[in-house]
Amino acid sequence: MPAERVIRLLREKEVENVHYHDPHVPSYSVKLENGETKTIPSVELTPEALQSCDVAAVVTAHDDYDAEAIARHAPHIVDTRNALSDIDDPDLRQKITLLGGGKQSDGDPW
């Protein structure tokens, strides 16, 4: 799962409310460095879920995601895949931070 490292790092930094949405993965268990295993269920990707988060991280680009809805409802977005590149509205673009140029790294950045 592409988000595994992100989830693990957030949990290791003691971020308690880590949620994710993946239409293909209903729940995910991530093993932390301390040996603890944490199972996280996928949540519905709704306007309410996006509005309630501090930041939404896009770590994979599924075709069935509505990029404009994500940009409209999430307060801040970190886009690691350039999945929201078609967003033209300047007000929505200012909420998006592109991380890593939207390209997969050959090395292990973690």
N, C-alpha and C. Protein backbone atom coordinates (compact mmCIF):
# COMPACT_ATOMS: atom_id res chain seq x y z
N MET A 1 0.85 -1.18 0.00
CA MET A 1 0.00 0.00 0.00
C MET A 1 0.90 1.24 0.00
N PRO A 2 0.70 2.15 -0.94
CA PRO A 2 1.56 3.34 -1.03
C PRO A 2 1.57 4.21 0.22
N ALA A 3 0.50 4.21 0.97
CA ALA A 3 0.41 5.09 2.15
C ALA A 3 1.04 4.49 3.40
N GLU A 4 1.54 3.26 3.33
CA GLU A 4 2.04 2.59 4.53
C GLU A 4 3.08 3.42 5.27
N ARG A 5 4.07 3.92 4.58
CA ARG A 5 5.12 4.70 5.24
C ARG A 5 4.57 5.99 5.84
N VAL A 6 3.64 6.62 5.15
CA VAL A 6 3.04 7.86 5.67
C VAL A 6 2.27 7.56 6.94
N ILE A 7 1.45 6.52 6.93
CA ILE A 7 0.67 6.14 8.11
C ILE A 7 1.61 5.80 9.26
N ARG A 8 2.63 4.99 8.98
CA ARG A 8 3.57 4.59 10.03
C ARG A 8 4.27 5.80 10.64
N LEU A 9 4.75 6.69 9.80
CA LEU A 9 5.45 7.88 10.30
C LEU A 9 4.54 8.78 11.13
N LEU A 10 3.31 8.96 10.69
CA LEU A 10 2.38 9.77 11.47
C LEU A 10 2.09 9.14 12.82
N ARG A 11 1.88 7.83 12.85
CA ARG A 11 1.60 7.14 14.11
C ARG A 11 2.83 7.20 15.03
N GLU A 12 4.02 7.06 14.47
CA GLU A 12 5.23 7.14 15.29
C GLU A 12 5.45 8.54 15.86
N LYS A 13 4.91 9.54 15.19
CA LYS A 13 4.97 10.92 15.68
C LYS A 13 3.79 11.21 16.62
N GLU A 14 3.10 10.14 17.00
CA GLU A 14 1.98 10.19 17.94
C GLU A 14 0.79 10.99 17.42
N VAL A 15 0.61 11.01 16.10
CA VAL A 15 -0.60 11.58 15.52
C VAL A 15 -1.69 10.53 15.73
N GLU A 16 -2.67 10.86 16.53
CA GLU A 16 -3.69 9.90 16.93
C GLU A 16 -4.76 9.68 15.87
N ASN A 17 -5.18 10.72 15.20
CA ASN A 17 -6.31 10.62 14.27
C ASN A 17 -5.83 10.51 12.84
N VAL A 18 -5.34 9.34 12.48
CA VAL A 18 -4.92 9.06 11.11
C VAL A 18 -6.04 8.25 10.46
N HIS A 19 -6.58 8.79 9.39
CA HIS A 19 -7.63 8.11 8.63
C HIS A 19 -7.17 8.03 7.18
N TYR A 20 -7.74 7.09 6.45
CA TYR A 20 -7.42 7.01 5.03
C TYR A 20 -8.64 6.53 4.27
N HIS A 21 -8.61 6.76 2.98
CA HIS A 21 -9.64 6.21 2.10
C HIS A 21 -8.94 5.54 0.94
N ASP A 22 -9.32 4.30 0.70
CA ASP A 22 -8.85 3.58 -0.48
C ASP A 22 -9.99 2.68 -0.92
N PRO A 23 -10.51 2.87 -2.12
CA PRO A 23 -11.64 2.06 -2.57
C PRO A 23 -11.30 0.58 -2.73
N HIS A 24 -10.01 0.26 -2.72
CA HIS A 24 -9.58 -1.12 -2.93
C HIS A 24 -9.08 -1.81 -1.66
N VAL A 25 -8.92 -1.06 -0.56
CA VAL A 25 -8.37 -1.61 0.68
C VAL A 25 -9.29 -1.19 1.84
N PRO A 26 -10.16 -2.10 2.32
CA PRO A 26 -11.13 -1.73 3.36
C PRO A 26 -10.53 -1.45 4.73
N SER A 27 -9.40 -2.04 5.04
CA SER A 27 -8.69 -1.73 6.29
C SER A 27 -7.23 -2.07 6.08
N TYR A 28 -6.40 -1.47 6.92
CA TYR A 28 -4.98 -1.67 6.76
C TYR A 28 -4.32 -1.77 8.12
N SER A 29 -3.44 -2.75 8.28
CA SER A 29 -2.67 -2.90 9.51
C SER A 29 -1.24 -2.47 9.24
N VAL A 30 -0.77 -1.56 10.08
CA VAL A 30 0.59 -1.05 9.91
C VAL A 30 1.37 -1.40 11.17
N LYS A 31 2.57 -1.95 10.97
CA LYS A 31 3.43 -2.30 12.10
C LYS A 31 4.36 -1.14 12.38
N LEU A 32 4.33 -0.66 13.61
CA LEU A 32 5.16 0.46 14.03
C LEU A 32 6.52 -0.02 14.50
N GLU A 33 7.47 0.89 14.60
CA GLU A 33 8.82 0.54 15.02
C GLU A 33 8.86 -0.08 16.41
N ASN A 34 7.91 0.30 17.27
CA ASN A 34 7.89 -0.24 18.63
C ASN A 34 7.27 -1.64 18.68
N GLY A 35 6.93 -2.21 17.52
CA GLY A 35 6.36 -3.54 17.46
C GLY A 35 4.85 -3.57 17.50
N GLU A 36 4.24 -2.47 17.85
CA GLU A 36 2.79 -2.38 17.91
C GLU A 36 2.21 -2.45 16.50
N THR A 37 1.09 -3.15 16.36
CA THR A 37 0.38 -3.18 15.09
C THR A 37 -0.92 -2.43 15.26
N LYS A 38 -1.18 -1.51 14.36
CA LYS A 38 -2.39 -0.68 14.42
C LYS A 38 -3.20 -0.95 13.16
N THR A 39 -4.47 -1.32 13.34
CA THR A 39 -5.37 -1.52 12.21
C THR A 39 -6.22 -0.27 12.04
N ILE A 40 -6.24 0.24 10.84
CA ILE A 40 -6.97 1.46 10.53
C ILE A 40 -7.99 1.14 9.44
N PRO A 41 -9.27 1.43 9.68
CA PRO A 41 -10.28 1.18 8.65
C PRO A 41 -10.33 2.31 7.63
N SER A 42 -10.65 1.98 6.41
CA SER A 42 -10.87 2.99 5.39
C SER A 42 -12.15 3.74 5.72
N VAL A 43 -12.15 5.05 5.54
CA VAL A 43 -13.35 5.86 5.78
C VAL A 43 -13.94 6.29 4.45
N GLU A 44 -15.22 6.61 4.46
CA GLU A 44 -15.85 7.13 3.25
C GLU A 44 -15.25 8.49 2.91
N LEU A 45 -15.01 8.72 1.66
CA LEU A 45 -14.46 9.99 1.21
C LEU A 45 -15.62 10.93 0.93
N THR A 46 -16.07 11.60 1.98
CA THR A 46 -17.22 12.50 1.90
C THR A 46 -16.75 13.94 2.12
N PRO A 47 -17.56 14.91 1.72
CA PRO A 47 -17.22 16.30 2.03
C PRO A 47 -17.00 16.51 3.52
N GLU A 48 -17.83 15.88 4.34
CA GLU A 48 -17.71 16.03 5.79
C GLU A 48 -16.38 15.47 6.31
N ALA A 49 -15.98 14.32 5.80
CA ALA A 49 -14.70 13.72 6.23
C ALA A 49 -13.54 14.62 5.83
N LEU A 50 -13.58 15.16 4.63
CA LEU A 50 -12.52 16.05 4.18
C LEU A 50 -12.49 17.35 4.97
N GLN A 51 -13.66 17.90 5.27
CA GLN A 51 -13.72 19.15 6.02
C GLN A 51 -13.25 18.98 7.46
N SER A 52 -13.40 17.78 8.00
CA SER A 52 -13.04 17.56 9.41
C SER A 52 -11.55 17.28 9.61
N CYS A 53 -10.81 17.04 8.54
CA CYS A 53 -9.38 16.74 8.70
C CYS A 53 -8.56 18.02 8.73
N ASP A 54 -7.37 17.93 9.30
CA ASP A 54 -6.44 19.06 9.28
C ASP A 54 -5.75 19.16 7.92
N VAL A 55 -5.42 18.01 7.37
CA VAL A 55 -4.76 17.96 6.07
C VAL A 55 -5.12 16.64 5.39
N ALA A 56 -5.30 16.67 4.09
CA ALA A 56 -5.51 15.46 3.30
C ALA A 56 -4.25 15.22 2.49
N ALA A 57 -3.75 14.01 2.54
CA ALA A 57 -2.56 13.65 1.77
C ALA A 57 -2.97 12.71 0.65
N VAL A 58 -2.63 13.08 -0.57
CA VAL A 58 -2.91 12.24 -1.73
C VAL A 58 -1.63 11.49 -2.03
N VAL A 59 -1.63 10.17 -1.77
CA VAL A 59 -0.41 9.39 -1.97
C VAL A 59 -0.54 8.38 -3.10
N THR A 60 -1.71 8.31 -3.69
CA THR A 60 -1.91 7.50 -4.89
C THR A 60 -3.01 8.15 -5.69
N ALA A 61 -3.00 7.96 -6.98
CA ALA A 61 -3.99 8.61 -7.85
C ALA A 61 -4.94 7.56 -8.41
N HIS A 62 -6.09 7.41 -7.77
CA HIS A 62 -7.12 6.52 -8.29
C HIS A 62 -7.99 7.30 -9.27
N ASP A 63 -8.37 6.67 -10.36
CA ASP A 63 -9.20 7.33 -11.36
C ASP A 63 -10.57 7.73 -10.83
N ASP A 64 -11.06 7.00 -9.82
CA ASP A 64 -12.40 7.29 -9.33
C ASP A 64 -12.45 8.41 -8.30
N TYR A 65 -11.33 9.04 -8.00
CA TYR A 65 -11.32 10.19 -7.09
C TYR A 65 -11.74 11.45 -7.83
N ASP A 66 -12.54 12.26 -7.18
CA ASP A 66 -12.96 13.55 -7.72
C ASP A 66 -12.00 14.61 -7.18
N ALA A 67 -11.00 14.95 -7.98
CA ALA A 67 -9.95 15.87 -7.54
C ALA A 67 -10.52 17.22 -7.13
N GLU A 68 -11.50 17.71 -7.86
CA GLU A 68 -12.07 19.02 -7.53
C GLU A 68 -12.81 18.97 -6.19
N ALA A 69 -13.51 17.88 -5.91
CA ALA A 69 -14.20 17.75 -4.62
C ALA A 69 -13.20 17.69 -3.47
N ILE A 70 -12.10 16.98 -3.67
CA ILE A 70 -11.06 16.94 -2.63
C ILE A 70 -10.53 18.35 -2.40
N ALA A 71 -10.21 19.05 -3.47
CA ALA A 71 -9.66 20.40 -3.34
C ALA A 71 -10.68 21.37 -2.74
N ARG A 72 -11.94 21.18 -3.06
CA ARG A 72 -12.97 22.09 -2.55
C ARG A 72 -13.20 21.90 -1.06
N HIS A 73 -13.15 20.66 -0.57
CA HIS A 73 -13.57 20.38 0.80
C HIS A 73 -12.44 20.22 1.82
N ALA A 74 -11.26 19.81 1.40
CA ALA A 74 -10.15 19.65 2.36
C ALA A 74 -9.55 21.02 2.66
N PRO A 75 -9.22 21.29 3.93
CA PRO A 75 -8.65 22.59 4.27
C PRO A 75 -7.24 22.78 3.70
N HIS A 76 -6.45 21.71 3.67
CA HIS A 76 -5.10 21.73 3.12
C HIS A 76 -4.85 20.36 2.50
N ILE A 77 -4.04 20.33 1.45
CA ILE A 77 -3.77 19.08 0.74
C ILE A 77 -2.28 18.97 0.46
N VAL A 78 -1.71 17.81 0.75
CA VAL A 78 -0.36 17.47 0.31
C VAL A 78 -0.53 16.43 -0.78
N ASP A 79 -0.13 16.77 -1.98
CA ASP A 79 -0.32 15.91 -3.15
C ASP A 79 1.04 15.35 -3.55
N THR A 80 1.24 14.05 -3.35
CA THR A 80 2.53 13.42 -3.67
C THR A 80 2.56 12.82 -5.07
N ARG A 81 1.44 12.86 -5.79
CA ARG A 81 1.37 12.24 -7.11
C ARG A 81 0.95 13.21 -8.22
N ASN A 82 0.83 14.49 -7.88
CA ASN A 82 0.36 15.49 -8.83
C ASN A 82 -1.03 15.10 -9.36
N ALA A 83 -1.80 14.47 -8.50
CA ALA A 83 -3.14 14.00 -8.87
C ALA A 83 -4.14 15.13 -9.00
N LEU A 84 -3.83 16.29 -8.43
CA LEU A 84 -4.74 17.43 -8.50
C LEU A 84 -4.22 18.50 -9.46
N SER A 85 -3.41 18.09 -10.41
CA SER A 85 -2.78 19.04 -11.34
C SER A 85 -3.78 19.74 -12.25
N ASP A 86 -4.97 19.17 -12.43
CA ASP A 86 -5.97 19.79 -13.30
C ASP A 86 -6.79 20.87 -12.61
N ILE A 87 -6.55 21.09 -11.33
CA ILE A 87 -7.29 22.13 -10.61
C ILE A 87 -6.77 23.50 -11.06
N ASP A 88 -7.66 24.29 -11.67
CA ASP A 88 -7.26 25.60 -12.20
C ASP A 88 -7.67 26.76 -11.30
N ASP A 89 -8.64 26.56 -10.45
CA ASP A 89 -9.14 27.63 -9.59
C ASP A 89 -8.03 28.08 -8.64
N PRO A 90 -7.62 29.35 -8.70
CA PRO A 90 -6.52 29.83 -7.85
C PRO A 90 -6.80 29.69 -6.36
N ASP A 91 -8.05 29.84 -5.94
CA ASP A 91 -8.38 29.68 -4.52
C ASP A 91 -8.18 28.24 -4.06
N LEU A 92 -8.49 27.29 -4.94
CA LEU A 92 -8.27 25.88 -4.60
C LEU A 92 -6.79 25.52 -4.71
N ARG A 93 -6.10 26.05 -5.71
CA ARG A 93 -4.67 25.74 -5.90
C ARG A 93 -3.84 26.16 -4.70
N GLN A 94 -4.21 27.25 -4.04
CA GLN A 94 -3.40 27.72 -2.91
C GLN A 94 -3.47 26.78 -1.72
N LYS A 95 -4.45 25.87 -1.70
CA LYS A 95 -4.55 24.90 -0.61
C LYS A 95 -3.71 23.65 -0.86
N ILE A 96 -3.14 23.53 -2.06
CA ILE A 96 -2.44 22.32 -2.47
C ILE A 96 -0.93 22.52 -2.40
N THR A 97 -0.25 21.60 -1.71
CA THR A 97 1.21 21.57 -1.70
C THR A 97 1.64 20.32 -2.45
N LEU A 98 2.41 20.51 -3.50
CA LEU A 98 2.93 19.38 -4.26
C LEU A 98 4.23 18.94 -3.61
N LEU A 99 4.31 17.68 -3.24
CA LEU A 99 5.48 17.15 -2.55
C LEU A 99 6.18 16.15 -3.46
N GLY A 100 7.45 16.34 -3.68
CA GLY A 100 8.22 15.40 -4.50
C GLY A 100 7.95 15.54 -5.98
N GLY A 101 7.37 16.63 -6.40
CA GLY A 101 7.12 16.83 -7.82
C GLY A 101 6.09 15.87 -8.39
N GLY A 102 5.42 15.11 -7.51
CA GLY A 102 4.39 14.19 -7.97
C GLY A 102 4.94 12.96 -8.65
N LYS A 103 6.23 12.69 -8.48
CA LYS A 103 6.85 11.53 -9.12
C LYS A 103 7.34 10.57 -8.07
N GLN A 104 7.31 9.29 -8.40
CA GLN A 104 7.79 8.28 -7.48
C GLN A 104 9.32 8.33 -7.42
N SER A 105 9.84 8.27 -6.22
CA SER A 105 11.29 8.32 -6.01
C SER A 105 11.91 6.95 -6.27
N ASP A 106 13.12 6.96 -6.82
CA ASP A 106 13.86 5.70 -6.99
C ASP A 106 14.45 5.23 -5.67
N GLY A 107 14.73 6.17 -4.79
CA GLY A 107 15.32 5.84 -3.49
C GLY A 107 14.28 5.79 -2.40
N ASP A 108 14.71 5.46 -1.21
CA ASP A 108 13.83 5.40 -0.06
C ASP A 108 13.99 6.69 0.74
N PRO A 109 13.03 7.64 0.63
CA PRO A 109 13.19 8.92 1.31
C PRO A 109 12.97 8.83 2.81
N TRP A 110 12.54 7.72 3.31
CA TRP A 110 12.23 7.59 4.74
C TRP A 110 13.41 6.97 5.43
